[in-house]
Amino acid sequence: MARPTAENAQDILMSDFQTLVADTEKLLAHTASLAGEQADELRDQINESLVRARETLAVAEATLRERSKEAVVATEEYVQANPWQSVGIAAGVGFLLGLLATRR
């Protein structure tokens, strides 16, 4: 039950991070009209930070995808190895959810 919530939170975090990167790129484009050595240095620093952020995001996304694939494979193997236990667990969880839903 906590797994989907954690995955949703990770998806939201990744989406927010991508939005942050896009907004920073827009800010960088708008500062192009500024002149001076300090403005150039600031733009360079922001650009370097964006490159690092994109690389970090790509690595995090790849890691998350790999872990989720591993979890799916492990779950499928368990269900195939223990079909009756899986049916029993699913029935028990369904029964508990039914009880909780009728109490509200």
Protein backbone atom coordinates (compact mmCIF):
# COMPACT_ATOMS: atom_id res chain seq x y z
CA MET A 1 0.00 0.00 0.00
CA ALA A 2 2.86 2.41 0.80
CA ARG A 3 4.65 1.50 -2.43
CA PRO A 4 2.24 3.26 -4.83
CA THR A 5 2.23 6.32 -2.58
CA ALA A 6 6.03 6.46 -2.59
CA GLU A 7 6.11 6.02 -6.36
CA ASN A 8 3.50 8.80 -6.79
CA ALA A 9 5.57 11.06 -4.55
CA GLN A 10 8.66 10.30 -6.61
CA ASP A 11 6.76 11.05 -9.82
CA ILE A 12 5.55 14.36 -8.37
CA LEU A 13 9.08 15.21 -7.23
CA MET A 14 10.52 14.43 -10.66
CA SER A 15 7.83 16.55 -12.32
CA ASP A 16 8.46 19.46 -9.96
CA PHE A 17 12.20 19.19 -10.56
CA GLN A 18 11.68 19.27 -14.33
CA THR A 19 9.47 22.34 -13.94
CA LEU A 20 12.16 24.01 -11.84
CA VAL A 21 14.77 23.34 -14.51
CA ALA A 22 12.47 24.73 -17.24
CA ASP A 23 11.72 27.86 -15.20
CA THR A 24 15.42 28.39 -14.54
CA GLU A 25 16.11 28.11 -18.27
CA LYS A 26 13.49 30.80 -18.91
CA LEU A 27 15.09 33.00 -16.25
CA LEU A 28 18.46 32.49 -17.88
CA ALA A 29 17.06 33.51 -21.26
CA HIS A 30 15.52 36.68 -19.78
CA THR A 31 18.82 37.68 -18.15
CA ALA A 32 20.52 37.62 -21.54
CA SER A 33 19.70 41.30 -21.92
CA LEU A 34 21.75 42.16 -18.83
CA ALA A 35 25.25 43.37 -19.51
CA GLY A 36 28.45 43.25 -17.57
CA GLU A 37 30.98 40.76 -16.36
CA GLN A 38 29.02 39.82 -13.24
CA ALA A 39 25.90 39.07 -15.29
CA ASP A 40 27.98 36.84 -17.59
CA GLU A 41 29.42 35.00 -14.60
CA LEU A 42 25.96 34.57 -13.12
CA ARG A 43 24.60 33.18 -16.39
CA ASP A 44 27.53 30.77 -16.63
CA GLN A 45 26.96 29.55 -13.06
CA ILE A 46 23.24 29.09 -13.69
CA ASN A 47 23.96 27.24 -16.92
CA GLU A 48 26.43 24.91 -15.19
CA SER A 49 23.90 24.26 -12.43
CA LEU A 50 21.27 23.41 -15.02
CA VAL A 51 23.57 20.96 -16.75
CA ARG A 52 24.34 19.23 -13.45
CA ALA A 53 20.64 19.20 -12.52
CA ARG A 54 19.71 17.60 -15.83
CA GLU A 55 22.39 14.94 -15.40
CA THR A 56 21.22 14.22 -11.85
CA LEU A 57 17.62 14.02 -13.02
CA ALA A 58 18.53 11.59 -15.79
CA VAL A 59 20.45 9.34 -13.39
CA ALA A 60 17.63 9.43 -10.83
CA GLU A 61 15.04 8.61 -13.47
CA ALA A 62 17.08 5.69 -14.80
CA THR A 63 17.62 4.35 -11.28
CA LEU A 64 13.93 4.67 -10.46
CA ARG A 65 12.92 2.88 -13.65
CA GLU A 66 15.39 0.06 -12.99
CA ARG A 67 14.20 -0.42 -9.41
CA SER A 68 10.57 -0.48 -10.44
CA LYS A 69 11.33 -3.08 -13.14
CA GLU A 70 13.13 -5.21 -10.56
CA ALA A 71 10.16 -4.94 -8.20
CA VAL A 72 7.75 -6.00 -10.93
CA VAL A 73 9.92 -8.99 -11.86
CA ALA A 74 10.25 -10.05 -8.21
CA THR A 75 6.49 -9.75 -7.69
CA GLU A 76 5.73 -11.76 -10.81
CA GLU A 77 8.18 -14.48 -9.77
CA TYR A 78 6.64 -14.69 -6.30
CA VAL A 79 3.09 -14.88 -7.66
CA GLN A 80 4.09 -17.59 -10.14
CA ALA A 81 5.93 -19.58 -7.47
CA ASN A 82 3.16 -19.19 -4.86
CA PRO A 83 -0.15 -18.74 -6.68
CA TRP A 84 -2.41 -19.90 -3.85
CA GLN A 85 -0.66 -17.77 -1.26
CA SER A 86 -0.98 -14.80 -3.60
CA VAL A 87 -4.70 -15.45 -4.04
CA GLY A 88 -5.11 -15.74 -0.28
CA ILE A 89 -3.21 -12.53 0.38
CA ALA A 90 -5.21 -10.68 -2.28
CA ALA A 91 -8.48 -11.98 -0.84
CA GLY A 92 -7.45 -10.98 2.68
CA VAL A 93 -6.43 -7.49 1.60
CA GLY A 94 -9.66 -7.13 -0.38
CA PHE A 95 -11.69 -8.25 2.63
CA LEU A 96 -9.92 -5.74 4.91
CA LEU A 97 -10.40 -2.93 2.40
CA GLY A 98 -14.07 -3.86 2.13
CA LEU A 99 -14.43 -3.68 5.91
CA LEU A 100 -12.71 -0.30 6.04
CA ALA A 101 -14.81 1.05 3.17
CA THR A 102 -18.11 0.05 4.79
CA ARG A 103 -17.20 1.67 8.11
CA ARG A 104 -16.87 5.13 6.60
